[in-house]
Amino acid sequence: MTLLILGTLIFFGIHFVPSTPLRTKMVESLGLAKYKILFSLASVVGLGLIIYGFGQASYIHLWSPLPWGKTLTMVTMPIAILLLVAADMPNNIKRWVRHPMLIGLFLWGGTHLLANGDLASTILFLSFAIFAVLDLMLVTMSGRGKQKKPVNVGWDVAVVVVGLSVYGLLFYFHGTITGVPLI
């Protein structure tokens, strides 16, 4: 559990930096290239510790998951994945949803939290959900993520195709990735 918590602190600690004035200070003192390298290394280390720590964590039951939690997660995940994909591609979804990545992360973390009742899952999914809400507030206060100009609808189709493909792969390989098969 210690590695999961440490990984969570590193991963989210570094991911709050871009939403604060600390980023500007770090870029000024390190340079943009070194900042990006440091950010990437810390992210990889944190994510690696999260994955390894989650896999090694003992099952500690906290509560019984809500009876409809798994169903809600399965229904919500295609939307969450589409929003995550939309965050990194040009598309018109960004015109209606200001911060698709953070909303997708919140949906992923929040619904998975409802579908699981153990300590490790609570740490993992609650961390992502809280991060998404806090970062959404920071990004909104900073004025980033303004409405984008319209783009060709072909990009929207690409987002849907890629998003549903990623969802399908995650659904099919969920058991291999997490140890919890869905089919």
C-alpha atoms as a PDB file:
ATOM      1  CA  MET A   1       0.000   0.000   0.000  1.00  0.00           C
ATOM      2  CA  THR A   2       2.953   2.298   0.676  1.00  0.00           C
ATOM      3  CA  LEU A   3       4.088   2.190  -2.964  1.00  0.00           C
ATOM      4  CA  LEU A   4       0.562   2.962  -4.184  1.00  0.00           C
ATOM      5  CA  ILE A   5       0.344   5.986  -1.887  1.00  0.00           C
ATOM      6  CA  LEU A   6       3.856   7.173  -2.775  1.00  0.00           C
ATOM      7  CA  GLY A   7       3.134   6.786  -6.501  1.00  0.00           C
ATOM      8  CA  THR A   8      -0.124   8.681  -6.106  1.00  0.00           C
ATOM      9  CA  LEU A   9       1.610  11.559  -4.326  1.00  0.00           C
ATOM     10  CA  ILE A  10       4.365  11.773  -6.968  1.00  0.00           C
ATOM     11  CA  PHE A  11       2.029  11.420  -9.951  1.00  0.00           C
ATOM     12  CA  PHE A  12      -0.548  13.945  -8.823  1.00  0.00           C
ATOM     13  CA  GLY A  13       1.991  16.254  -7.234  1.00  0.00           C
ATOM     14  CA  ILE A  14       3.731  16.733 -10.575  1.00  0.00           C
ATOM     15  CA  HIS A  15       0.417  16.994 -12.448  1.00  0.00           C
ATOM     16  CA  PHE A  16      -0.730  19.946 -10.340  1.00  0.00           C
ATOM     17  CA  VAL A  17       2.368  21.947 -11.329  1.00  0.00           C
ATOM     18  CA  PRO A  18       1.123  23.027 -14.817  1.00  0.00           C
ATOM     19  CA  SER A  19      -1.969  24.596 -13.235  1.00  0.00           C
ATOM     20  CA  THR A  20       0.051  26.741 -10.844  1.00  0.00           C
ATOM     21  CA  PRO A  21       2.617  29.579 -11.088  1.00  0.00           C
ATOM     22  CA  LEU A  22       5.270  27.006 -10.086  1.00  0.00           C
ATOM     23  CA  ARG A  23       5.405  25.821 -13.706  1.00  0.00           C
ATOM     24  CA  THR A  24       6.538  29.239 -14.920  1.00  0.00           C
ATOM     25  CA  LYS A  25       9.199  29.399 -12.207  1.00  0.00           C
ATOM     26  CA  MET A  26      10.462  25.913 -13.016  1.00  0.00           C
ATOM     27  CA  VAL A  27      10.602  26.633 -16.760  1.00  0.00           C
ATOM     28  CA  GLU A  28      12.480  29.878 -16.078  1.00  0.00           C
ATOM     29  CA  SER A  29      15.067  28.177 -13.857  1.00  0.00           C
ATOM     30  CA  LEU A  30      15.412  24.834 -15.699  1.00  0.00           C
ATOM     31  CA  GLY A  31      14.459  25.726 -19.253  1.00  0.00           C
ATOM     32  CA  LEU A  32      11.489  24.232 -21.088  1.00  0.00           C
ATOM     33  CA  ALA A  33      13.294  21.087 -22.291  1.00  0.00           C
ATOM     34  CA  LYS A  34      14.599  20.162 -18.818  1.00  0.00           C
ATOM     35  CA  TYR A  35      11.220  20.943 -17.254  1.00  0.00           C
ATOM     36  CA  LYS A  36       9.491  18.597 -19.712  1.00  0.00           C
ATOM     37  CA  ILE A  37      12.071  15.860 -19.057  1.00  0.00           C
ATOM     38  CA  LEU A  38      11.667  16.228 -15.283  1.00  0.00           C
ATOM     39  CA  PHE A  39       7.869  16.292 -15.602  1.00  0.00           C
ATOM     40  CA  SER A  40       7.901  13.171 -17.792  1.00  0.00           C
ATOM     41  CA  LEU A  41      10.293  11.247 -15.545  1.00  0.00           C
ATOM     42  CA  ALA A  42       8.329  12.080 -12.400  1.00  0.00           C
ATOM     43  CA  SER A  43       5.089  11.096 -14.163  1.00  0.00           C
ATOM     44  CA  VAL A  44       6.493   7.744 -15.302  1.00  0.00           C
ATOM     45  CA  VAL A  45       7.944   6.991 -11.855  1.00  0.00           C
ATOM     46  CA  GLY A  46       4.662   7.933 -10.156  1.00  0.00           C
ATOM     47  CA  LEU A  47       2.538   5.945 -12.583  1.00  0.00           C
ATOM     48  CA  GLY A  48       4.856   2.952 -12.311  1.00  0.00           C
ATOM     49  CA  LEU A  49       4.615   3.036  -8.517  1.00  0.00           C
ATOM     50  CA  ILE A  50       0.818   3.349  -8.727  1.00  0.00           C
ATOM     51  CA  ILE A  51       0.528   0.329 -11.025  1.00  0.00           C
ATOM     52  CA  TYR A  52       3.025  -1.799  -9.103  1.00  0.00           C
ATOM     53  CA  GLY A  53       1.707  -0.695  -5.715  1.00  0.00           C
ATOM     54  CA  PHE A  54      -1.898  -1.359  -6.711  1.00  0.00           C
ATOM     55  CA  GLY A  55      -0.964  -4.822  -7.961  1.00  0.00           C
ATOM     56  CA  GLN A  56       0.896  -5.633  -4.731  1.00  0.00           C
ATOM     57  CA  ALA A  57      -1.696  -4.178  -2.348  1.00  0.00           C
ATOM     58  CA  SER A  58      -3.543  -6.578  -0.096  1.00  0.00           C
ATOM     59  CA  TYR A  59      -7.300  -6.655  -0.421  1.00  0.00           C
ATOM     60  CA  ILE A  60      -8.779  -4.714   2.480  1.00  0.00           C
ATOM     61  CA  HIS A  61     -12.567  -4.595   2.355  1.00  0.00           C
ATOM     62  CA  LEU A  62     -14.072  -1.201   3.227  1.00  0.00           C
ATOM     63  CA  TRP A  63     -17.652  -1.492   1.988  1.00  0.00           C
ATOM     64  CA  SER A  64     -19.828  -3.507  -0.341  1.00  0.00           C
ATOM     65  CA  PRO A  65     -19.961  -1.845  -3.748  1.00  0.00           C
ATOM     66  CA  LEU A  66     -23.274  -0.399  -4.792  1.00  0.00           C
ATOM     67  CA  PRO A  67     -25.361  -3.006  -6.653  1.00  0.00           C
ATOM     68  CA  TRP A  68     -25.614  -0.740  -9.718  1.00  0.00           C
ATOM     69  CA  GLY A  69     -22.007   0.509  -9.506  1.00  0.00           C
ATOM     70  CA  LYS A  70     -20.579  -1.904 -12.084  1.00  0.00           C
ATOM     71  CA  THR A  71     -23.436  -1.228 -14.506  1.00  0.00           C
ATOM     72  CA  LEU A  72     -22.999   2.528 -14.141  1.00  0.00           C
ATOM     73  CA  THR A  73     -19.262   2.148 -14.756  1.00  0.00           C
ATOM     74  CA  MET A  74     -19.788   0.085 -17.918  1.00  0.00           C
ATOM     75  CA  VAL A  75     -22.329   2.583 -19.259  1.00  0.00           C
ATOM     76  CA  THR A  76     -20.220   5.633 -18.369  1.00  0.00           C
ATOM     77  CA  MET A  77     -16.819   4.376 -19.548  1.00  0.00           C
ATOM     78  CA  PRO A  78     -17.407   4.864 -23.299  1.00  0.00           C
ATOM     79  CA  ILE A  79     -18.218   8.519 -22.573  1.00  0.00           C
ATOM     80  CA  ALA A  80     -15.168   8.880 -20.312  1.00  0.00           C
ATOM     81  CA  ILE A  81     -12.862   7.347 -22.936  1.00  0.00           C
ATOM     82  CA  LEU A  82     -14.343   9.553 -25.689  1.00  0.00           C
ATOM     83  CA  LEU A  83     -13.666  12.619 -23.534  1.00  0.00           C
ATOM     84  CA  LEU A  84     -10.095  11.492 -22.812  1.00  0.00           C
ATOM     85  CA  VAL A  85      -9.454  10.970 -26.535  1.00  0.00           C
ATOM     86  CA  ALA A  86     -11.145  14.277 -27.385  1.00  0.00           C
ATOM     87  CA  ALA A  87      -8.708  16.102 -25.098  1.00  0.00           C
ATOM     88  CA  ASP A  88      -5.770  15.241 -27.380  1.00  0.00           C
ATOM     89  CA  MET A  89      -7.293  15.615 -30.843  1.00  0.00           C
ATOM     90  CA  PRO A  90      -8.756  18.593 -32.694  1.00  0.00           C
ATOM     91  CA  ASN A  91     -12.549  18.303 -32.518  1.00  0.00           C
ATOM     92  CA  ASN A  92     -15.759  20.181 -31.874  1.00  0.00           C
ATOM     93  CA  ILE A  93     -16.414  18.411 -28.565  1.00  0.00           C
ATOM     94  CA  LYS A  94     -13.965  20.864 -26.988  1.00  0.00           C
ATOM     95  CA  ARG A  95     -16.326  23.662 -27.986  1.00  0.00           C
ATOM     96  CA  TRP A  96     -19.047  22.239 -25.728  1.00  0.00           C
ATOM     97  CA  VAL A  97     -16.964  20.551 -23.048  1.00  0.00           C
ATOM     98  CA  ARG A  98     -14.260  22.905 -21.834  1.00  0.00           C
ATOM     99  CA  HIS A  99     -11.981  20.347 -20.182  1.00  0.00           C
ATOM    100  CA  PRO A 100     -12.787  16.919 -21.604  1.00  0.00           C
ATOM    101  CA  MET A 101      -9.743  15.161 -20.110  1.00  0.00           C
ATOM    102  CA  LEU A 102     -10.537  16.224 -16.558  1.00  0.00           C
ATOM    103  CA  ILE A 103     -14.222  15.384 -16.916  1.00  0.00           C
ATOM    104  CA  GLY A 104     -13.274  11.997 -18.418  1.00  0.00           C
ATOM    105  CA  LEU A 105     -10.889  11.331 -15.516  1.00  0.00           C
ATOM    106  CA  PHE A 106     -13.597  12.268 -13.031  1.00  0.00           C
ATOM    107  CA  LEU A 107     -16.077   9.902 -14.674  1.00  0.00           C
ATOM    108  CA  TRP A 108     -13.466   7.109 -14.746  1.00  0.00           C
ATOM    109  CA  GLY A 109     -12.413   7.573 -11.130  1.00  0.00           C
ATOM    110  CA  GLY A 110     -15.858   8.311  -9.742  1.00  0.00           C
ATOM    111  CA  THR A 111     -17.680   5.409 -11.345  1.00  0.00           C
ATOM    112  CA  HIS A 112     -14.885   2.941 -10.583  1.00  0.00           C
ATOM    113  CA  LEU A 113     -14.989   4.118  -6.974  1.00  0.00           C
ATOM    114  CA  LEU A 114     -18.673   3.169  -6.820  1.00  0.00           C
ATOM    115  CA  ALA A 115     -17.967  -0.250  -8.343  1.00  0.00           C
ATOM    116  CA  ASN A 116     -15.193  -1.233  -5.906  1.00  0.00           C
ATOM    117  CA  GLY A 117     -15.135  -1.392  -2.126  1.00  0.00           C
ATOM    118  CA  ASP A 118     -11.523  -2.097  -1.189  1.00  0.00           C
ATOM    119  CA  LEU A 119      -8.869   0.226   0.200  1.00  0.00           C
ATOM    120  CA  ALA A 120      -6.450   0.134  -2.754  1.00  0.00           C
ATOM    121  CA  SER A 121      -9.253   0.885  -5.248  1.00  0.00           C
ATOM    122  CA  THR A 122     -10.493   3.700  -3.034  1.00  0.00           C
ATOM    123  CA  ILE A 123      -7.036   5.273  -2.896  1.00  0.00           C
ATOM    124  CA  LEU A 124      -6.567   4.926  -6.658  1.00  0.00           C
ATOM    125  CA  PHE A 125      -9.965   6.005  -7.946  1.00  0.00           C
ATOM    126  CA  LEU A 126     -10.683   8.646  -5.320  1.00  0.00           C
ATOM    127  CA  SER A 127      -7.270  10.198  -6.032  1.00  0.00           C
ATOM    128  CA  PHE A 128      -8.069  10.503  -9.737  1.00  0.00           C
ATOM    129  CA  ALA A 129     -11.550  11.885  -9.059  1.00  0.00           C
ATOM    130  CA  ILE A 130     -10.280  14.450  -6.541  1.00  0.00           C
ATOM    131  CA  PHE A 131      -7.414  15.445  -8.838  1.00  0.00           C
ATOM    132  CA  ALA A 132      -9.849  15.989 -11.712  1.00  0.00           C
ATOM    133  CA  VAL A 133     -12.108  18.238  -9.627  1.00  0.00           C
ATOM    134  CA  LEU A 134      -9.244  20.264  -8.109  1.00  0.00           C
ATOM    135  CA  ASP A 135      -7.396  20.659 -11.392  1.00  0.00           C
ATOM    136  CA  LEU A 136     -10.637  21.600 -13.134  1.00  0.00           C
ATOM    137  CA  MET A 137     -11.062  24.398 -10.600  1.00  0.00           C
ATOM    138  CA  LEU A 138      -7.441  25.562 -11.035  1.00  0.00           C
ATOM    139  CA  VAL A 139      -7.608  25.459 -14.832  1.00  0.00           C
ATOM    140  CA  THR A 140     -10.947  27.263 -14.878  1.00  0.00           C
ATOM    141  CA  MET A 141      -9.684  29.985 -12.522  1.00  0.00           C
ATOM    142  CA  SER A 142      -6.615  30.501 -14.710  1.00  0.00           C
ATOM    143  CA  GLY A 143      -8.827  30.989 -17.776  1.00  0.00           C
ATOM    144  CA  ARG A 144      -7.239  28.170 -19.761  1.00  0.00           C
ATOM    145  CA  GLY A 145      -9.390  26.007 -21.982  1.00  0.00           C
ATOM    146  CA  LYS A 146     -11.414  28.683 -23.684  1.00  0.00           C
ATOM    147  CA  GLN A 147     -13.875  27.663 -26.384  1.00  0.00           C
ATOM    148  CA  LYS A 148     -12.144  26.494 -29.547  1.00  0.00           C
ATOM    149  CA  LYS A 149     -12.958  27.456 -33.124  1.00  0.00           C
ATOM    150  CA  PRO A 150     -14.989  24.964 -35.180  1.00  0.00           C
ATOM    151  CA  VAL A 151     -13.036  22.219 -36.939  1.00  0.00           C
ATOM    152  CA  ASN A 152     -13.947  19.784 -39.683  1.00  0.00           C
ATOM    153  CA  VAL A 153     -16.549  17.251 -38.508  1.00  0.00           C
ATOM    154  CA  GLY A 154     -14.213  14.506 -39.738  1.00  0.00           C
ATOM    155  CA  TRP A 155     -12.194  15.066 -36.562  1.00  0.00           C
ATOM    156  CA  ASP A 156     -15.300  14.393 -34.482  1.00  0.00           C
ATOM    157  CA  VAL A 157     -15.817  11.126 -36.341  1.00  0.00           C
ATOM    158  CA  ALA A 158     -12.154  10.255 -35.712  1.00  0.00           C
ATOM    159  CA  VAL A 159     -12.578  10.944 -31.976  1.00  0.00           C
ATOM    160  CA  VAL A 160     -15.592   8.621 -31.837  1.00  0.00           C
ATOM    161  CA  VAL A 161     -13.844   5.865 -33.829  1.00  0.00           C
ATOM    162  CA  VAL A 162     -10.629   6.066 -31.798  1.00  0.00           C
ATOM    163  CA  GLY A 163     -12.494   6.456 -28.498  1.00  0.00           C
ATOM    164  CA  LEU A 164     -14.781   3.485 -29.056  1.00  0.00           C
ATOM    165  CA  SER A 165     -11.843   1.407 -30.302  1.00  0.00           C
ATOM    166  CA  VAL A 166      -9.859   2.216 -27.157  1.00  0.00           C
ATOM    167  CA  TYR A 167     -12.933   1.449 -25.042  1.00  0.00           C
ATOM    168  CA  GLY A 168     -13.376  -1.886 -26.820  1.00  0.00           C
ATOM    169  CA  LEU A 169      -9.743  -2.825 -26.221  1.00  0.00           C
ATOM    170  CA  LEU A 170      -9.907  -1.797 -22.573  1.00  0.00           C
ATOM    171  CA  PHE A 171     -13.155  -3.711 -22.117  1.00  0.00           C
ATOM    172  CA  TYR A 172     -11.775  -6.854 -23.757  1.00  0.00           C
ATOM    173  CA  PHE A 173      -8.378  -6.735 -22.009  1.00  0.00           C
ATOM    174  CA  HIS A 174      -9.634  -5.397 -18.662  1.00  0.00           C
ATOM    175  CA  GLY A 175      -8.969  -8.767 -17.028  1.00  0.00           C
ATOM    176  CA  THR A 176      -5.426  -8.917 -18.371  1.00  0.00           C
ATOM    177  CA  ILE A 177      -4.682  -5.341 -17.340  1.00  0.00           C
ATOM    178  CA  THR A 178      -6.389  -5.262 -13.939  1.00  0.00           C
ATOM    179  CA  GLY A 179      -7.027  -8.881 -12.995  1.00  0.00           C
ATOM    180  CA  VAL A 180     -10.783  -8.187 -13.064  1.00  0.00           C
ATOM    181  CA  PRO A 181     -12.292  -9.650 -16.246  1.00  0.00           C
ATOM    182  CA  LEU A 182     -15.466  -8.026 -17.579  1.00  0.00           C
ATOM    183  CA  ILE A 183     -16.331 -10.823 -19.988  1.00  0.00           C
END
